[in-house]
């Protein structure tokens, strides 16, 4: 079970990182190819999706990352 939690935590970290990179690149009118679809519905919705990627990915990382206290 810890293996799966670790993988979900890494996925959350990746999602948050992609959201941050997409946010930075969108300032310069670029975007990640994988996230090019988020600006289809407009600039405002694109920013909301980027923020949700960061918040959701960060939550997944903090909830599912393996704990350091392996005393059991």
C-alpha atoms as a PDB file:
ATOM      1  CA  UNK A   1       0.000   0.000   0.000  1.00  0.00           C
ATOM      2  CA  UNK A   2       2.901   2.381   0.707  1.00  0.00           C
ATOM      3  CA  UNK A   3       4.137   1.844  -2.858  1.00  0.00           C
ATOM      4  CA  UNK A   4       0.835   3.076  -4.290  1.00  0.00           C
ATOM      5  CA  UNK A   5       0.716   6.019  -1.874  1.00  0.00           C
ATOM      6  CA  UNK A   6       4.218   6.993  -2.967  1.00  0.00           C
ATOM      7  CA  UNK A   7       3.265   6.877  -6.637  1.00  0.00           C
ATOM      8  CA  UNK A   8       0.132   8.978  -6.059  1.00  0.00           C
ATOM      9  CA  UNK A   9       2.238  11.475  -4.106  1.00  0.00           C
ATOM     10  CA  UNK A  10       4.701  11.734  -6.990  1.00  0.00           C
ATOM     11  CA  UNK A  11       1.801  12.194  -9.415  1.00  0.00           C
ATOM     12  CA  UNK A  12       0.511  15.050  -7.276  1.00  0.00           C
ATOM     13  CA  UNK A  13       3.961  16.607  -7.251  1.00  0.00           C
ATOM     14  CA  UNK A  14       4.110  16.352 -11.045  1.00  0.00           C
ATOM     15  CA  UNK A  15       0.663  17.929 -11.455  1.00  0.00           C
ATOM     16  CA  UNK A  16       1.570  20.837  -9.196  1.00  0.00           C
ATOM     17  CA  UNK A  17       4.849  21.370 -11.026  1.00  0.00           C
ATOM     18  CA  UNK A  18       3.080  21.306 -14.388  1.00  0.00           C
ATOM     19  CA  UNK A  19       0.600  23.881 -13.102  1.00  0.00           C
ATOM     20  CA  UNK A  20       3.384  26.202 -11.946  1.00  0.00           C
ATOM     21  CA  UNK A  21       5.345  25.835 -15.193  1.00  0.00           C
ATOM     22  CA  UNK A  22       2.190  26.384 -17.236  1.00  0.00           C
ATOM     23  CA  UNK A  23       1.426  29.500 -15.200  1.00  0.00           C
ATOM     24  CA  UNK A  24       4.897  30.921 -15.765  1.00  0.00           C
ATOM     25  CA  UNK A  25       4.900  30.093 -19.482  1.00  0.00           C
ATOM     26  CA  UNK A  26       1.435  31.550 -20.040  1.00  0.00           C
ATOM     27  CA  UNK A  27       2.761  34.931 -18.948  1.00  0.00           C
ATOM     28  CA  UNK A  28       5.062  34.806 -21.990  1.00  0.00           C
ATOM     29  CA  UNK A  29       2.246  33.495 -24.241  1.00  0.00           C
ATOM     30  CA  UNK A  30       3.571  29.916 -24.294  1.00  0.00           C
ATOM     31  CA  UNK A  31       2.171  26.709 -22.831  1.00  0.00           C
ATOM     32  CA  UNK A  32       3.107  23.102 -22.281  1.00  0.00           C
ATOM     33  CA  UNK A  33       1.976  20.937 -25.171  1.00  0.00           C
ATOM     34  CA  UNK A  34       0.208  18.582 -22.767  1.00  0.00           C
ATOM     35  CA  UNK A  35      -1.778  21.472 -21.267  1.00  0.00           C
ATOM     36  CA  UNK A  36      -2.557  23.377 -24.464  1.00  0.00           C
ATOM     37  CA  UNK A  37      -6.238  22.433 -24.167  1.00  0.00           C
ATOM     38  CA  UNK A  38      -6.868  24.504 -21.034  1.00  0.00           C
ATOM     39  CA  UNK A  39      -7.073  27.810 -22.879  1.00  0.00           C
ATOM     40  CA  UNK A  40      -9.823  26.607 -25.229  1.00  0.00           C
ATOM     41  CA  UNK A  41     -12.544  27.970 -22.922  1.00  0.00           C
ATOM     42  CA  UNK A  42     -10.881  31.330 -22.443  1.00  0.00           C
ATOM     43  CA  UNK A  43      -8.091  32.922 -20.486  1.00  0.00           C
ATOM     44  CA  UNK A  44      -9.982  33.121 -17.164  1.00  0.00           C
ATOM     45  CA  UNK A  45     -10.960  29.455 -17.148  1.00  0.00           C
ATOM     46  CA  UNK A  46      -7.393  28.557 -18.145  1.00  0.00           C
ATOM     47  CA  UNK A  47      -6.052  30.333 -15.061  1.00  0.00           C
ATOM     48  CA  UNK A  48      -8.624  28.597 -12.854  1.00  0.00           C
ATOM     49  CA  UNK A  49      -7.556  25.208 -14.228  1.00  0.00           C
ATOM     50  CA  UNK A  50      -3.878  26.062 -13.609  1.00  0.00           C
ATOM     51  CA  UNK A  51      -4.638  27.046 -10.017  1.00  0.00           C
ATOM     52  CA  UNK A  52      -6.660  23.861  -9.513  1.00  0.00           C
ATOM     53  CA  UNK A  53      -3.728  21.814 -10.850  1.00  0.00           C
ATOM     54  CA  UNK A  54      -1.415  23.411  -8.301  1.00  0.00           C
ATOM     55  CA  UNK A  55      -3.825  23.083  -5.368  1.00  0.00           C
ATOM     56  CA  UNK A  56      -4.982  19.572  -6.256  1.00  0.00           C
ATOM     57  CA  UNK A  57      -1.473  18.319  -6.994  1.00  0.00           C
ATOM     58  CA  UNK A  58      -0.139  19.828  -3.783  1.00  0.00           C
ATOM     59  CA  UNK A  59      -2.954  18.228  -1.794  1.00  0.00           C
ATOM     60  CA  UNK A  60      -2.247  14.843  -3.385  1.00  0.00           C
ATOM     61  CA  UNK A  61       1.441  15.232  -2.602  1.00  0.00           C
ATOM     62  CA  UNK A  62       0.919  16.104   1.057  1.00  0.00           C
ATOM     63  CA  UNK A  63      -1.814  13.519   1.664  1.00  0.00           C
ATOM     64  CA  UNK A  64      -0.269  10.565  -0.158  1.00  0.00           C
ATOM     65  CA  UNK A  65       3.468  11.083   0.242  1.00  0.00           C
ATOM     66  CA  UNK A  66       4.981   8.345   2.391  1.00  0.00           C
ATOM     67  CA  UNK A  67       5.601   9.327   5.995  1.00  0.00           C
ATOM     68  CA  UNK A  68       9.117   9.463   7.417  1.00  0.00           C
ATOM     69  CA  UNK A  69       8.218   7.735  10.683  1.00  0.00           C
ATOM     70  CA  UNK A  70       8.587   4.070   9.747  1.00  0.00           C
ATOM     71  CA  UNK A  71       8.816   2.842  13.354  1.00  0.00           C
ATOM     72  CA  UNK A  72       6.313   0.025  12.894  1.00  0.00           C
END
